[in-house]
PDB file of N, CA and C in Angstrom:
ATOM      1  N   UNK A   1     -79.665   6.824 161.037  1.00  0.00           N
ATOM      2  CA  UNK A   1     -78.251   6.881 160.891  1.00  0.00           C
ATOM      3  C   UNK A   1     -78.627   5.347 160.141  1.00  0.00           C
ATOM      4  N   UNK A   2     -78.000   4.769 159.327  1.00  0.00           N
ATOM      5  CA  UNK A   2     -77.874   3.744 158.275  1.00  0.00           C
ATOM      6  C   UNK A   2     -76.797   2.913 159.355  1.00  0.00           C
ATOM      7  N   UNK A   3     -75.798   3.375 159.779  1.00  0.00           N
ATOM      8  CA  UNK A   3     -74.877   2.113 160.515  1.00  0.00           C
ATOM      9  C   UNK A   3     -75.116   2.301 162.186  1.00  0.00           C
ATOM     10  N   UNK A   4     -74.612   2.032 162.856  1.00  0.00           N
ATOM     11  CA  UNK A   4     -74.241   1.512 164.116  1.00  0.00           C
ATOM     12  C   UNK A   4     -72.903   1.340 164.622  1.00  0.00           C
ATOM     13  N   UNK A   5     -72.167   1.586 165.792  1.00  0.00           N
ATOM     14  CA  UNK A   5     -71.281   1.105 165.904  1.00  0.00           C
ATOM     15  C   UNK A   5     -71.190  -0.692 166.152  1.00  0.00           C
ATOM     16  N   UNK A   6     -70.407  -1.191 165.586  1.00  0.00           N
ATOM     17  CA  UNK A   6     -70.211  -2.620 165.729  1.00  0.00           C
ATOM     18  C   UNK A   6     -70.855  -3.506 164.562  1.00  0.00           C
ATOM     19  N   UNK A   7     -71.350  -2.957 163.679  1.00  0.00           N
ATOM     20  CA  UNK A   7     -72.753  -3.294 162.511  1.00  0.00           C
ATOM     21  C   UNK A   7     -71.035  -3.747 161.781  1.00  0.00           C
ATOM     22  N   UNK A   8     -71.589  -4.896 161.145  1.00  0.00           N
ATOM     23  CA  UNK A   8     -71.080  -5.082 159.441  1.00  0.00           C
ATOM     24  C   UNK A   8     -72.218  -4.459 158.417  1.00  0.00           C
ATOM     25  N   UNK A   9     -71.186  -4.033 157.320  1.00  0.00           N
ATOM     26  CA  UNK A   9     -72.457  -3.115 156.666  1.00  0.00           C
ATOM     27  C   UNK A   9     -71.707  -2.961 155.130  1.00  0.00           C
ATOM     28  N   UNK A  10     -72.298  -3.114 154.071  1.00  0.00           N
ATOM     29  CA  UNK A  10     -72.029  -3.091 152.824  1.00  0.00           C
ATOM     30  C   UNK A  10     -71.833  -1.514 152.065  1.00  0.00           C
ATOM     31  N   UNK A  11     -70.638  -0.886 151.731  1.00  0.00           N
ATOM     32  CA  UNK A  11     -70.345   0.521 151.146  1.00  0.00           C
ATOM     33  C   UNK A  11     -71.274   0.276 149.675  1.00  0.00           C
ATOM     34  N   UNK A  12     -72.675   1.044 150.053  1.00  0.00           N
ATOM     35  CA  UNK A  12     -73.136   1.627 148.827  1.00  0.00           C
ATOM     36  C   UNK A  12     -72.938   2.298 147.783  1.00  0.00           C
ATOM     37  N   UNK A  13     -72.627   3.794 148.064  1.00  0.00           N
ATOM     38  CA  UNK A  13     -71.934   4.560 147.315  1.00  0.00           C
ATOM     39  C   UNK A  13     -70.428   4.985 147.462  1.00  0.00           C
ATOM     40  N   UNK A  14     -69.926   6.012 147.185  1.00  0.00           N
ATOM     41  CA  UNK A  14     -68.413   6.276 147.030  1.00  0.00           C
ATOM     42  C   UNK A  14     -67.542   6.232 145.975  1.00  0.00           C
ATOM     43  N   UNK A  15     -66.239   5.748 146.357  1.00  0.00           N
ATOM     44  CA  UNK A  15     -65.618   5.631 145.405  1.00  0.00           C
ATOM     45  C   UNK A  15     -65.759   4.479 144.988  1.00  0.00           C
ATOM     46  N   UNK A  16     -65.396   3.972 143.734  1.00  0.00           N
ATOM     47  CA  UNK A  16     -65.492   2.853 142.969  1.00  0.00           C
ATOM     48  C   UNK A  16     -65.050   1.569 143.510  1.00  0.00           C
ATOM     49  N   UNK A  17     -63.388   1.363 143.724  1.00  0.00           N
ATOM     50  CA  UNK A  17     -63.242   0.610 144.447  1.00  0.00           C
ATOM     51  C   UNK A  17     -63.710  -0.211 145.931  1.00  0.00           C
ATOM     52  N   UNK A  18     -64.699   0.568 146.694  1.00  0.00           N
ATOM     53  CA  UNK A  18     -64.961   0.790 147.820  1.00  0.00           C
ATOM     54  C   UNK A  18     -66.410  -0.053 147.867  1.00  0.00           C
ATOM     55  N   UNK A  19     -67.248   0.375 146.687  1.00  0.00           N
ATOM     56  CA  UNK A  19     -68.475   0.102 146.642  1.00  0.00           C
ATOM     57  C   UNK A  19     -68.637  -1.562 146.381  1.00  0.00           C
ATOM     58  N   UNK A  20     -69.318  -1.930 147.394  1.00  0.00           N
ATOM     59  CA  UNK A  20     -69.694  -3.649 147.306  1.00  0.00           C
ATOM     60  C   UNK A  20     -68.842  -3.779 148.772  1.00  0.00           C
ATOM     61  N   UNK A  21     -67.647  -3.443 148.753  1.00  0.00           N
ATOM     62  CA  UNK A  21     -67.011  -3.782 149.545  1.00  0.00           C
ATOM     63  C   UNK A  21     -67.751  -3.843 151.315  1.00  0.00           C
ATOM     64  N   UNK A  22     -67.450  -5.016 151.836  1.00  0.00           N
ATOM     65  CA  UNK A  22     -68.218  -5.327 153.427  1.00  0.00           C
ATOM     66  C   UNK A  22     -67.074  -4.726 154.461  1.00  0.00           C
ATOM     67  N   UNK A  23     -67.792  -3.994 155.532  1.00  0.00           N
ATOM     68  CA  UNK A  23     -66.486  -3.614 155.945  1.00  0.00           C
ATOM     69  C   UNK A  23     -67.074  -3.648 158.036  1.00  0.00           C
ATOM     70  N   UNK A  24     -66.700  -3.495 158.701  1.00  0.00           N
ATOM     71  CA  UNK A  24     -66.734  -3.229 160.323  1.00  0.00           C
ATOM     72  C   UNK A  24     -66.687  -2.059 160.694  1.00  0.00           C
ATOM     73  N   UNK A  25     -67.653  -1.691 161.131  1.00  0.00           N
ATOM     74  CA  UNK A  25     -67.857  -0.226 161.431  1.00  0.00           C
ATOM     75  C   UNK A  25     -67.204  -0.106 162.953  1.00  0.00           C
ATOM     76  N   UNK A  26     -66.294   0.509 163.077  1.00  0.00           N
ATOM     77  CA  UNK A  26     -65.234   0.185 164.080  1.00  0.00           C
ATOM     78  C   UNK A  26     -65.385   1.848 165.177  1.00  0.00           C
ATOM     79  N   UNK A  27     -65.639   2.748 164.576  1.00  0.00           N
ATOM     80  CA  UNK A  27     -65.725   4.047 165.590  1.00  0.00           C
ATOM     81  C   UNK A  27     -66.254   5.033 164.602  1.00  0.00           C
ATOM     82  N   UNK A  28     -66.903   5.861 165.766  1.00  0.00           N
ATOM     83  CA  UNK A  28     -67.657   6.966 164.987  1.00  0.00           C
ATOM     84  C   UNK A  28     -66.353   7.921 165.218  1.00  0.00           C
ATOM     85  N   UNK A  29     -66.911   9.085 163.671  1.00  0.00           N
ATOM     86  CA  UNK A  29     -65.752  10.151 163.676  1.00  0.00           C
ATOM     87  C   UNK A  29     -66.100  11.527 163.423  1.00  0.00           C
ATOM     88  N   UNK A  30     -65.631  12.555 163.744  1.00  0.00           N
ATOM     89  CA  UNK A  30     -66.270  14.058 163.458  1.00  0.00           C
ATOM     90  C   UNK A  30     -67.137  13.891 161.749  1.00  0.00           C
ATOM     91  N   UNK A  31     -67.813  14.882 162.113  1.00  0.00           N
ATOM     92  CA  UNK A  31     -68.642  15.052 160.648  1.00  0.00           C
ATOM     93  C   UNK A  31     -67.445  15.641 159.707  1.00  0.00           C
ATOM     94  N   UNK A  32     -67.645  15.007 158.617  1.00  0.00           N
ATOM     95  CA  UNK A  32     -66.891  15.415 157.724  1.00  0.00           C
ATOM     96  C   UNK A  32     -67.570  16.386 156.661  1.00  0.00           C
ATOM     97  N   UNK A  33     -66.627  17.183 155.871  1.00  0.00           N
ATOM     98  CA  UNK A  33     -67.242  17.857 154.357  1.00  0.00           C
ATOM     99  C   UNK A  33     -66.952  17.090 153.294  1.00  0.00           C
ATOM    100  N   UNK A  34     -68.385  16.680 153.105  1.00  0.00           N
ATOM    101  CA  UNK A  34     -68.206  16.037 151.247  1.00  0.00           C
ATOM    102  C   UNK A  34     -68.795  16.979 150.424  1.00  0.00           C
ATOM    103  N   UNK A  35     -69.034  17.962 150.760  1.00  0.00           N
ATOM    104  CA  UNK A  35     -69.898  18.993 149.694  1.00  0.00           C
ATOM    105  C   UNK A  35     -68.732  18.629 148.232  1.00  0.00           C
ATOM    106  N   UNK A  36     -67.646  18.497 147.866  1.00  0.00           N
ATOM    107  CA  UNK A  36     -66.906  18.527 147.130  1.00  0.00           C
ATOM    108  C   UNK A  36     -67.631  17.202 146.054  1.00  0.00           C
ATOM    109  N   UNK A  37     -68.136  16.128 146.777  1.00  0.00           N
ATOM    110  CA  UNK A  37     -68.942  14.974 146.184  1.00  0.00           C
ATOM    111  C   UNK A  37     -70.435  15.659 146.339  1.00  0.00           C
ATOM    112  N   UNK A  38     -70.764  16.808 146.669  1.00  0.00           N
ATOM    113  CA  UNK A  38     -72.312  17.299 146.268  1.00  0.00           C
ATOM    114  C   UNK A  38     -73.539  16.564 147.992  1.00  0.00           C
ATOM    115  N   UNK A  39     -72.631  16.292 148.954  1.00  0.00           N
ATOM    116  CA  UNK A  39     -73.465  15.836 149.829  1.00  0.00           C
ATOM    117  C   UNK A  39     -73.476  17.026 151.412  1.00  0.00           C
ATOM    118  N   UNK A  40     -71.903  17.908 151.042  1.00  0.00           N
ATOM    119  CA  UNK A  40     -72.386  18.556 152.488  1.00  0.00           C
ATOM    120  C   UNK A  40     -71.398  17.473 153.543  1.00  0.00           C
ATOM    121  N   UNK A  41     -71.585  18.691 154.609  1.00  0.00           N
ATOM    122  CA  UNK A  41     -71.337  18.075 156.087  1.00  0.00           C
ATOM    123  C   UNK A  41     -71.954  16.908 156.268  1.00  0.00           C
ATOM    124  N   UNK A  42     -71.377  15.785 156.425  1.00  0.00           N
ATOM    125  CA  UNK A  42     -72.504  14.400 157.067  1.00  0.00           C
ATOM    126  C   UNK A  42     -71.314  13.818 158.401  1.00  0.00           C
ATOM    127  N   UNK A  43     -72.203  12.517 158.972  1.00  0.00           N
ATOM    128  CA  UNK A  43     -71.778  12.007 160.418  1.00  0.00           C
ATOM    129  C   UNK A  43     -71.139  10.816 159.239  1.00  0.00           C
ATOM    130  N   UNK A  44     -70.160  10.715 160.104  1.00  0.00           N
ATOM    131  CA  UNK A  44     -69.210   9.929 159.133  1.00  0.00           C
ATOM    132  C   UNK A  44     -68.346   8.704 160.484  1.00  0.00           C
ATOM    133  N   UNK A  45     -67.780   7.321 159.674  1.00  0.00           N
ATOM    134  CA  UNK A  45     -67.587   6.362 160.659  1.00  0.00           C
ATOM    135  C   UNK A  45     -66.097   5.837 160.122  1.00  0.00           C
ATOM    136  N   UNK A  46     -65.384   5.489 161.036  1.00  0.00           N
ATOM    137  CA  UNK A  46     -64.215   4.663 160.808  1.00  0.00           C
ATOM    138  C   UNK A  46     -64.562   3.100 160.449  1.00  0.00           C
ATOM    139  N   UNK A  47     -64.014   2.752 159.468  1.00  0.00           N
ATOM    140  CA  UNK A  47     -64.538   1.260 159.173  1.00  0.00           C
ATOM    141  C   UNK A  47     -63.331   0.569 158.434  1.00  0.00           C
ATOM    142  N   UNK A  48     -63.655  -0.732 159.060  1.00  0.00           N
ATOM    143  CA  UNK A  48     -62.559  -1.778 158.612  1.00  0.00           C
ATOM    144  C   UNK A  48     -62.672  -2.650 157.465  1.00  0.00           C
ATOM    145  N   UNK A  49     -62.097  -3.003 156.225  1.00  0.00           N
ATOM    146  CA  UNK A  49     -62.425  -3.656 155.658  1.00  0.00           C
ATOM    147  C   UNK A  49     -62.429  -5.236 155.926  1.00  0.00           C
ATOM    148  N   UNK A  50     -63.680  -5.855 155.432  1.00  0.00           N
ATOM    149  CA  UNK A  50     -63.423  -7.294 156.229  1.00  0.00           C
ATOM    150  C   UNK A  50     -63.137  -8.158 154.699  1.00  0.00           C
ATOM    151  N   UNK A  51     -62.463  -7.427 153.548  1.00  0.00           N
ATOM    152  CA  UNK A  51     -62.064  -8.159 152.325  1.00  0.00           C
ATOM    153  C   UNK A  51     -61.252  -7.042 151.739  1.00  0.00           C
ATOM    154  N   UNK A  52     -60.935  -7.302 150.706  1.00  0.00           N
ATOM    155  CA  UNK A  52     -59.627  -6.590 150.272  1.00  0.00           C
ATOM    156  C   UNK A  52     -59.396  -4.707 150.686  1.00  0.00           C
ATOM    157  N   UNK A  53     -58.401  -4.133 150.384  1.00  0.00           N
ATOM    158  CA  UNK A  53     -58.073  -2.760 150.585  1.00  0.00           C
ATOM    159  C   UNK A  53     -59.064  -1.754 150.379  1.00  0.00           C
ATOM    160  N   UNK A  54     -59.276  -0.558 151.326  1.00  0.00           N
ATOM    161  CA  UNK A  54     -60.330   0.207 150.748  1.00  0.00           C
ATOM    162  C   UNK A  54     -59.489   1.227 149.977  1.00  0.00           C
ATOM    163  N   UNK A  55     -60.379   2.038 149.001  1.00  0.00           N
ATOM    164  CA  UNK A  55     -59.203   3.261 148.311  1.00  0.00           C
ATOM    165  C   UNK A  55     -59.504   4.266 149.263  1.00  0.00           C
ATOM    166  N   UNK A  56     -58.386   4.820 150.227  1.00  0.00           N
ATOM    167  CA  UNK A  56     -58.641   5.594 150.937  1.00  0.00           C
ATOM    168  C   UNK A  56     -57.424   7.393 150.377  1.00  0.00           C
ATOM    169  N   UNK A  57     -57.723   8.423 150.842  1.00  0.00           N
ATOM    170  CA  UNK A  57     -57.246   9.356 150.557  1.00  0.00           C
ATOM    171  C   UNK A  57     -55.421   9.276 150.780  1.00  0.00           C
ATOM    172  N   UNK A  58     -54.961   8.363 151.673  1.00  0.00           N
ATOM    173  CA  UNK A  58     -53.487   8.026 151.760  1.00  0.00           C
ATOM    174  C   UNK A  58     -53.479   6.503 150.801  1.00  0.00           C
ATOM    175  N   UNK A  59     -54.176   6.427 150.320  1.00  0.00           N
ATOM    176  CA  UNK A  59     -53.978   4.990 149.657  1.00  0.00           C
ATOM    177  C   UNK A  59     -54.496   3.788 150.002  1.00  0.00           C
ATOM    178  N   UNK A  60     -54.183   2.653 149.179  1.00  0.00           N
ATOM    179  CA  UNK A  60     -54.913   1.366 149.921  1.00  0.00           C
ATOM    180  C   UNK A  60     -54.850   1.317 151.580  1.00  0.00           C
ATOM    181  N   UNK A  61     -55.727   1.091 151.924  1.00  0.00           N
ATOM    182  CA  UNK A  61     -55.617   0.506 153.434  1.00  0.00           C
ATOM    183  C   UNK A  61     -56.900  -0.278 154.149  1.00  0.00           C
ATOM    184  N   UNK A  62     -56.578  -1.132 154.788  1.00  0.00           N
ATOM    185  CA  UNK A  62     -57.416  -1.882 155.529  1.00  0.00           C
ATOM    186  C   UNK A  62     -58.702  -1.047 156.195  1.00  0.00           C
ATOM    187  N   UNK A  63     -58.304   0.186 156.319  1.00  0.00           N
ATOM    188  CA  UNK A  63     -59.101   1.140 157.306  1.00  0.00           C
ATOM    189  C   UNK A  63     -59.131   2.601 156.827  1.00  0.00           C
ATOM    190  N   UNK A  64     -60.165   3.098 156.719  1.00  0.00           N
ATOM    191  CA  UNK A  64     -60.787   4.217 156.317  1.00  0.00           C
ATOM    192  C   UNK A  64     -61.760   4.811 156.781  1.00  0.00           C
ATOM    193  N   UNK A  65     -62.376   5.906 156.220  1.00  0.00           N
ATOM    194  CA  UNK A  65     -63.619   6.472 157.016  1.00  0.00           C
ATOM    195  C   UNK A  65     -64.581   6.887 155.667  1.00  0.00           C
ATOM    196  N   UNK A  66     -65.602   6.955 156.132  1.00  0.00           N
ATOM    197  CA  UNK A  66     -67.001   6.779 155.130  1.00  0.00           C
ATOM    198  C   UNK A  66     -68.096   7.351 155.782  1.00  0.00           C
ATOM    199  N   UNK A  67     -68.692   8.288 155.113  1.00  0.00           N
ATOM    200  CA  UNK A  67     -69.784   8.750 155.505  1.00  0.00           C
ATOM    201  C   UNK A  67     -71.042   7.770 155.598  1.00  0.00           C
ATOM    202  N   UNK A  68     -71.974   7.913 156.565  1.00  0.00           N
ATOM    203  CA  UNK A  68     -72.844   7.186 157.379  1.00  0.00           C
ATOM    204  C   UNK A  68     -73.901   6.874 156.123  1.00  0.00           C
ATOM    205  N   UNK A  69     -73.894   7.665 155.056  1.00  0.00           N
ATOM    206  CA  UNK A  69     -74.695   7.913 153.709  1.00  0.00           C
ATOM    207  C   UNK A  69     -74.648   6.588 152.781  1.00  0.00           C
ATOM    208  N   UNK A  70     -72.882   6.309 152.938  1.00  0.00           N
ATOM    209  CA  UNK A  70     -72.516   5.311 151.835  1.00  0.00           C
ATOM    210  C   UNK A  70     -72.944   4.002 152.628  1.00  0.00           C
ATOM    211  N   UNK A  71     -73.276   3.766 153.739  1.00  0.00           N
ATOM    212  CA  UNK A  71     -73.531   2.438 154.412  1.00  0.00           C
ATOM    213  C   UNK A  71     -74.860   2.106 154.473  1.00  0.00           C
ATOM    214  N   UNK A  72     -74.831   0.270 154.053  1.00  0.00           N
ATOM    215  CA  UNK A  72     -76.242  -0.004 154.567  1.00  0.00           C
ATOM    216  C   UNK A  72     -76.194  -1.614 155.711  1.00  0.00           C
ATOM    217  N   UNK A  73     -76.340  -1.542 156.754  1.00  0.00           N
ATOM    218  CA  UNK A  73     -75.868  -2.099 157.517  1.00  0.00           C
ATOM    219  C   UNK A  73     -76.828  -3.551 157.014  1.00  0.00           C
ATOM    220  N   UNK A  74     -75.899  -4.705 157.263  1.00  0.00           N
ATOM    221  CA  UNK A  74     -76.127  -6.116 157.208  1.00  0.00           C
ATOM    222  C   UNK A  74     -77.035  -6.379 158.426  1.00  0.00           C
ATOM    223  N   UNK A  75     -78.058  -7.252 158.029  1.00  0.00           N
ATOM    224  CA  UNK A  75     -78.913  -7.760 159.112  1.00  0.00           C
ATOM    225  C   UNK A  75     -78.209  -9.185 159.629  1.00  0.00           C
ATOM    226  N   UNK A  76     -77.092  -8.657 160.642  1.00  0.00           N
ATOM    227  CA  UNK A  76     -76.635 -10.003 161.116  1.00  0.00           C
ATOM    228  C   UNK A  76     -76.476  -9.808 162.795  1.00  0.00           C
ATOM    229  N   UNK A  77     -76.327 -10.902 163.374  1.00  0.00           N
ATOM    230  CA  UNK A  77     -76.348 -10.304 165.244  1.00  0.00           C
ATOM    231  C   UNK A  77     -74.990 -10.179 165.345  1.00  0.00           C
ATOM    232  N   UNK A  78     -74.995  -9.350 166.535  1.00  0.00           N
ATOM    233  CA  UNK A  78     -73.459  -9.036 167.021  1.00  0.00           C
ATOM    234  C   UNK A  78     -72.599 -10.283 167.165  1.00  0.00           C
ATOM    235  N   UNK A  79     -72.870 -11.452 167.458  1.00  0.00           N
ATOM    236  CA  UNK A  79     -72.111 -12.331 167.648  1.00  0.00           C
ATOM    237  C   UNK A  79     -71.662 -12.842 166.030  1.00  0.00           C
ATOM    238  N   UNK A  80     -72.351 -12.982 165.005  1.00  0.00           N
ATOM    239  CA  UNK A  80     -72.010 -13.335 163.679  1.00  0.00           C
ATOM    240  C   UNK A  80     -70.789 -11.844 163.405  1.00  0.00           C
ATOM    241  N   UNK A  81     -71.491 -10.660 163.573  1.00  0.00           N
ATOM    242  CA  UNK A  81     -70.614  -9.606 162.961  1.00  0.00           C
ATOM    243  C   UNK A  81     -69.285 -10.033 163.603  1.00  0.00           C
ATOM    244  N   UNK A  82     -69.011 -10.263 165.089  1.00  0.00           N
ATOM    245  CA  UNK A  82     -68.100 -10.491 166.091  1.00  0.00           C
ATOM    246  C   UNK A  82     -67.082 -11.909 165.239  1.00  0.00           C
ATOM    247  N   UNK A  83     -67.816 -12.701 164.498  1.00  0.00           N
ATOM    248  CA  UNK A  83     -67.164 -13.880 163.769  1.00  0.00           C
ATOM    249  C   UNK A  83     -66.698 -13.494 162.501  1.00  0.00           C
ATOM    250  N   UNK A  84     -67.436 -12.704 161.963  1.00  0.00           N
ATOM    251  CA  UNK A  84     -66.926 -12.152 160.764  1.00  0.00           C
ATOM    252  C   UNK A  84     -65.418 -11.612 160.824  1.00  0.00           C
ATOM    253  N   UNK A  85     -65.406 -10.859 161.908  1.00  0.00           N
ATOM    254  CA  UNK A  85     -64.002  -9.862 162.290  1.00  0.00           C
ATOM    255  C   UNK A  85     -62.974 -10.600 162.519  1.00  0.00           C
ATOM    256  N   UNK A  86     -63.246 -11.505 163.227  1.00  0.00           N
ATOM    257  CA  UNK A  86     -62.366 -12.439 163.524  1.00  0.00           C
ATOM    258  C   UNK A  86     -61.713 -13.280 162.602  1.00  0.00           C
ATOM    259  N   UNK A  87     -62.767 -14.370 162.095  1.00  0.00           N
ATOM    260  CA  UNK A  87     -62.276 -14.752 160.870  1.00  0.00           C
ATOM    261  C   UNK A  87     -61.094 -13.899 160.076  1.00  0.00           C
ATOM    262  N   UNK A  88     -61.471 -12.928 159.618  1.00  0.00           N
ATOM    263  CA  UNK A  88     -60.868 -11.963 158.836  1.00  0.00           C
ATOM    264  C   UNK A  88     -59.475 -11.702 159.388  1.00  0.00           C
ATOM    265  N   UNK A  89     -59.622 -11.514 161.018  1.00  0.00           N
ATOM    266  CA  UNK A  89     -57.917 -10.944 161.928  1.00  0.00           C
ATOM    267  C   UNK A  89     -57.327 -12.621 161.550  1.00  0.00           C
ATOM    268  N   UNK A  90     -57.981 -13.797 161.850  1.00  0.00           N
ATOM    269  CA  UNK A  90     -57.171 -14.950 161.581  1.00  0.00           C
ATOM    270  C   UNK A  90     -56.644 -15.166 160.459  1.00  0.00           C
ATOM    271  N   UNK A  91     -57.753 -14.772 159.168  1.00  0.00           N
ATOM    272  CA  UNK A  91     -56.899 -14.958 157.787  1.00  0.00           C
ATOM    273  C   UNK A  91     -55.506 -14.055 157.853  1.00  0.00           C
ATOM    274  N   UNK A  92     -55.820 -12.698 158.357  1.00  0.00           N
ATOM    275  CA  UNK A  92     -54.662 -11.958 158.114  1.00  0.00           C
ATOM    276  C   UNK A  92     -53.545 -12.242 159.027  1.00  0.00           C
ATOM    277  N   UNK A  93     -53.838 -12.555 160.050  1.00  0.00           N
ATOM    278  CA  UNK A  93     -52.343 -13.156 160.767  1.00  0.00           C
ATOM    279  C   UNK A  93     -51.683 -14.339 159.976  1.00  0.00           C
ATOM    280  N   UNK A  94     -52.578 -15.544 159.814  1.00  0.00           N
ATOM    281  CA  UNK A  94     -51.819 -16.477 158.909  1.00  0.00           C
ATOM    282  C   UNK A  94     -50.906 -16.246 157.860  1.00  0.00           C
ATOM    283  N   UNK A  95     -51.547 -14.800 156.974  1.00  0.00           N
ATOM    284  CA  UNK A  95     -50.961 -14.466 156.123  1.00  0.00           C
ATOM    285  C   UNK A  95     -49.627 -13.739 156.144  1.00  0.00           C
ATOM    286  N   UNK A  96     -49.641 -13.022 157.326  1.00  0.00           N
ATOM    287  CA  UNK A  96     -48.426 -12.345 157.896  1.00  0.00           C
ATOM    288  C   UNK A  96     -47.138 -13.631 158.616  1.00  0.00           C
ATOM    289  N   UNK A  97     -47.798 -14.488 158.828  1.00  0.00           N
ATOM    290  CA  UNK A  97     -46.875 -15.777 159.212  1.00  0.00           C
ATOM    291  C   UNK A  97     -46.464 -16.551 158.152  1.00  0.00           C
ATOM    292  N   UNK A  98     -47.288 -16.512 157.264  1.00  0.00           N
ATOM    293  CA  UNK A  98     -46.676 -16.961 155.943  1.00  0.00           C
ATOM    294  C   UNK A  98     -45.611 -16.189 155.341  1.00  0.00           C
ATOM    295  N   UNK A  99     -45.907 -14.626 155.432  1.00  0.00           N
ATOM    296  CA  UNK A  99     -45.045 -13.952 154.520  1.00  0.00           C
ATOM    297  C   UNK A  99     -43.728 -13.536 155.370  1.00  0.00           C
ATOM    298  N   UNK A 100     -43.604 -14.171 156.818  1.00  0.00           N
ATOM    299  CA  UNK A 100     -42.712 -13.840 157.712  1.00  0.00           C
ATOM    300  C   UNK A 100     -41.672 -15.223 157.522  1.00  0.00           C
ATOM    301  N   UNK A 101     -42.675 -16.124 157.048  1.00  0.00           N
ATOM    302  CA  UNK A 101     -41.858 -17.504 157.087  1.00  0.00           C
ATOM    303  C   UNK A 101     -40.897 -17.685 155.726  1.00  0.00           C
ATOM    304  N   UNK A 102     -41.516 -16.641 154.922  1.00  0.00           N
ATOM    305  CA  UNK A 102     -40.692 -16.434 153.333  1.00  0.00           C
ATOM    306  C   UNK A 102     -39.243 -15.661 153.730  1.00  0.00           C
ATOM    307  N   UNK A 103     -39.392 -14.608 154.718  1.00  0.00           N
ATOM    308  CA  UNK A 103     -38.599 -13.552 155.185  1.00  0.00           C
ATOM    309  C   UNK A 103     -37.191 -14.458 155.976  1.00  0.00           C
ATOM    310  N   UNK A 104     -37.829 -15.349 156.453  1.00  0.00           N
ATOM    311  CA  UNK A 104     -37.046 -15.981 157.435  1.00  0.00           C
ATOM    312  C   UNK A 104     -36.123 -17.022 156.592  1.00  0.00           C
ATOM    313  N   UNK A 105     -36.719 -17.854 155.782  1.00  0.00           N
ATOM    314  CA  UNK A 105     -36.079 -18.607 155.023  1.00  0.00           C
ATOM    315  C   UNK A 105     -35.144 -17.691 154.064  1.00  0.00           C
ATOM    316  N   UNK A 106     -35.476 -16.915 153.548  1.00  0.00           N
ATOM    317  CA  UNK A 106     -34.555 -15.910 152.466  1.00  0.00           C
ATOM    318  C   UNK A 106     -33.009 -15.509 153.268  1.00  0.00           C
ATOM    319  N   UNK A 107     -33.445 -14.919 154.614  1.00  0.00           N
ATOM    320  CA  UNK A 107     -32.287 -14.970 155.559  1.00  0.00           C
ATOM    321  C   UNK A 107     -31.506 -16.319 156.031  1.00  0.00           C
ATOM    322  N   UNK A 108     -31.938 -16.910 156.209  1.00  0.00           N
ATOM    323  CA  UNK A 108     -31.358 -18.322 156.581  1.00  0.00           C
ATOM    324  C   UNK A 108     -30.497 -18.864 155.317  1.00  0.00           C
ATOM    325  N   UNK A 109     -31.030 -18.341 153.999  1.00  0.00           N
ATOM    326  CA  UNK A 109     -30.567 -19.026 152.610  1.00  0.00           C
ATOM    327  C   UNK A 109     -28.939 -17.921 152.748  1.00  0.00           C
ATOM    328  N   UNK A 110     -29.294 -16.525 153.070  1.00  0.00           N
ATOM    329  CA  UNK A 110     -28.655 -15.672 152.960  1.00  0.00           C
ATOM    330  C   UNK A 110     -27.515 -15.516 153.695  1.00  0.00           C
ATOM    331  N   UNK A 111     -27.717 -16.190 154.657  1.00  0.00           N
ATOM    332  CA  UNK A 111     -26.782 -16.261 155.792  1.00  0.00           C
ATOM    333  C   UNK A 111     -25.493 -17.781 155.370  1.00  0.00           C
ATOM    334  N   UNK A 112     -26.665 -18.782 154.823  1.00  0.00           N
ATOM    335  CA  UNK A 112     -25.823 -20.235 154.531  1.00  0.00           C
ATOM    336  C   UNK A 112     -25.064 -19.689 153.382  1.00  0.00           C
ATOM    337  N   UNK A 113     -25.191 -18.973 152.549  1.00  0.00           N
ATOM    338  CA  UNK A 113     -24.855 -18.447 151.292  1.00  0.00           C
ATOM    339  C   UNK A 113     -23.307 -17.423 151.802  1.00  0.00           C
ATOM    340  N   UNK A 114     -23.305 -16.890 152.754  1.00  0.00           N
ATOM    341  CA  UNK A 114     -21.964 -15.863 153.264  1.00  0.00           C
ATOM    342  C   UNK A 114     -21.308 -16.534 153.951  1.00  0.00           C
ATOM    343  N   UNK A 115     -21.578 -17.764 154.599  1.00  0.00           N
ATOM    344  CA  UNK A 115     -20.998 -18.831 155.518  1.00  0.00           C
ATOM    345  C   UNK A 115     -20.148 -19.662 154.453  1.00  0.00           C
ATOM    346  N   UNK A 116     -20.799 -20.274 153.373  1.00  0.00           N
ATOM    347  CA  UNK A 116     -19.746 -20.529 152.217  1.00  0.00           C
ATOM    348  C   UNK A 116     -18.805 -20.296 151.465  1.00  0.00           C
ATOM    349  N   UNK A 117     -19.168 -18.626 151.398  1.00  0.00           N
ATOM    350  CA  UNK A 117     -18.336 -17.579 150.867  1.00  0.00           C
ATOM    351  C   UNK A 117     -17.287 -17.564 151.891  1.00  0.00           C
ATOM    352  N   UNK A 118     -17.620 -17.183 152.829  1.00  0.00           N
ATOM    353  CA  UNK A 118     -16.335 -16.945 154.060  1.00  0.00           C
ATOM    354  C   UNK A 118     -15.441 -18.669 153.942  1.00  0.00           C
ATOM    355  N   UNK A 119     -15.770 -19.246 153.827  1.00  0.00           N
ATOM    356  CA  UNK A 119     -15.024 -20.905 154.077  1.00  0.00           C
ATOM    357  C   UNK A 119     -14.301 -20.687 153.198  1.00  0.00           C
ATOM    358  N   UNK A 120     -15.484 -20.544 151.819  1.00  0.00           N
ATOM    359  CA  UNK A 120     -14.141 -20.900 150.076  1.00  0.00           C
ATOM    360  C   UNK A 120     -12.922 -19.711 149.971  1.00  0.00           C
ATOM    361  N   UNK A 121     -12.912 -18.740 150.844  1.00  0.00           N
ATOM    362  CA  UNK A 121     -12.258 -17.698 150.979  1.00  0.00           C
ATOM    363  C   UNK A 121     -10.976 -17.812 151.963  1.00  0.00           C
ATOM    364  N   UNK A 122     -11.209 -18.791 152.538  1.00  0.00           N
ATOM    365  CA  UNK A 122     -10.449 -19.406 153.521  1.00  0.00           C
ATOM    366  C   UNK A 122      -8.555 -19.869 152.966  1.00  0.00           C
ATOM    367  N   UNK A 123      -7.809 -19.206 152.938  1.00  0.00           N
ATOM    368  CA  UNK A 123      -6.641 -20.201 152.840  1.00  0.00           C
ATOM    369  C   UNK A 123      -6.245 -21.963 153.276  1.00  0.00           C
ATOM    370  N   UNK A 124      -6.132 -22.252 152.277  1.00  0.00           N
ATOM    371  CA  UNK A 124      -5.590 -23.539 152.987  1.00  0.00           C
ATOM    372  C   UNK A 124      -6.023 -24.965 152.011  1.00  0.00           C
TER     373      UNK A 124
END
């Protein structure tokens, strides 16, 4: 096996946008058929991108599956691997909070506009 559960690895084979992506090996999955790619049935992993989206059958996603042969383990301690995963989670959380702040600001702006319109429409 090229990777094991909990490893951080680099994608070395597969769909072009995924090659070079750093991923966290999150879970083993059932063997999958890669005959169409010339490989046959191979052991596979569920991986989580530690960078940009992965190109998956369902479209861009942070999580997908890949055969073991497409991965090369990076020589990191479990603590370093967990630190990378935590840093990615912290980054994603901050981005989500920033996006939520924009949604709330837009909502508040719209509510204020509606109040102004309602006030302007009052007789008097």
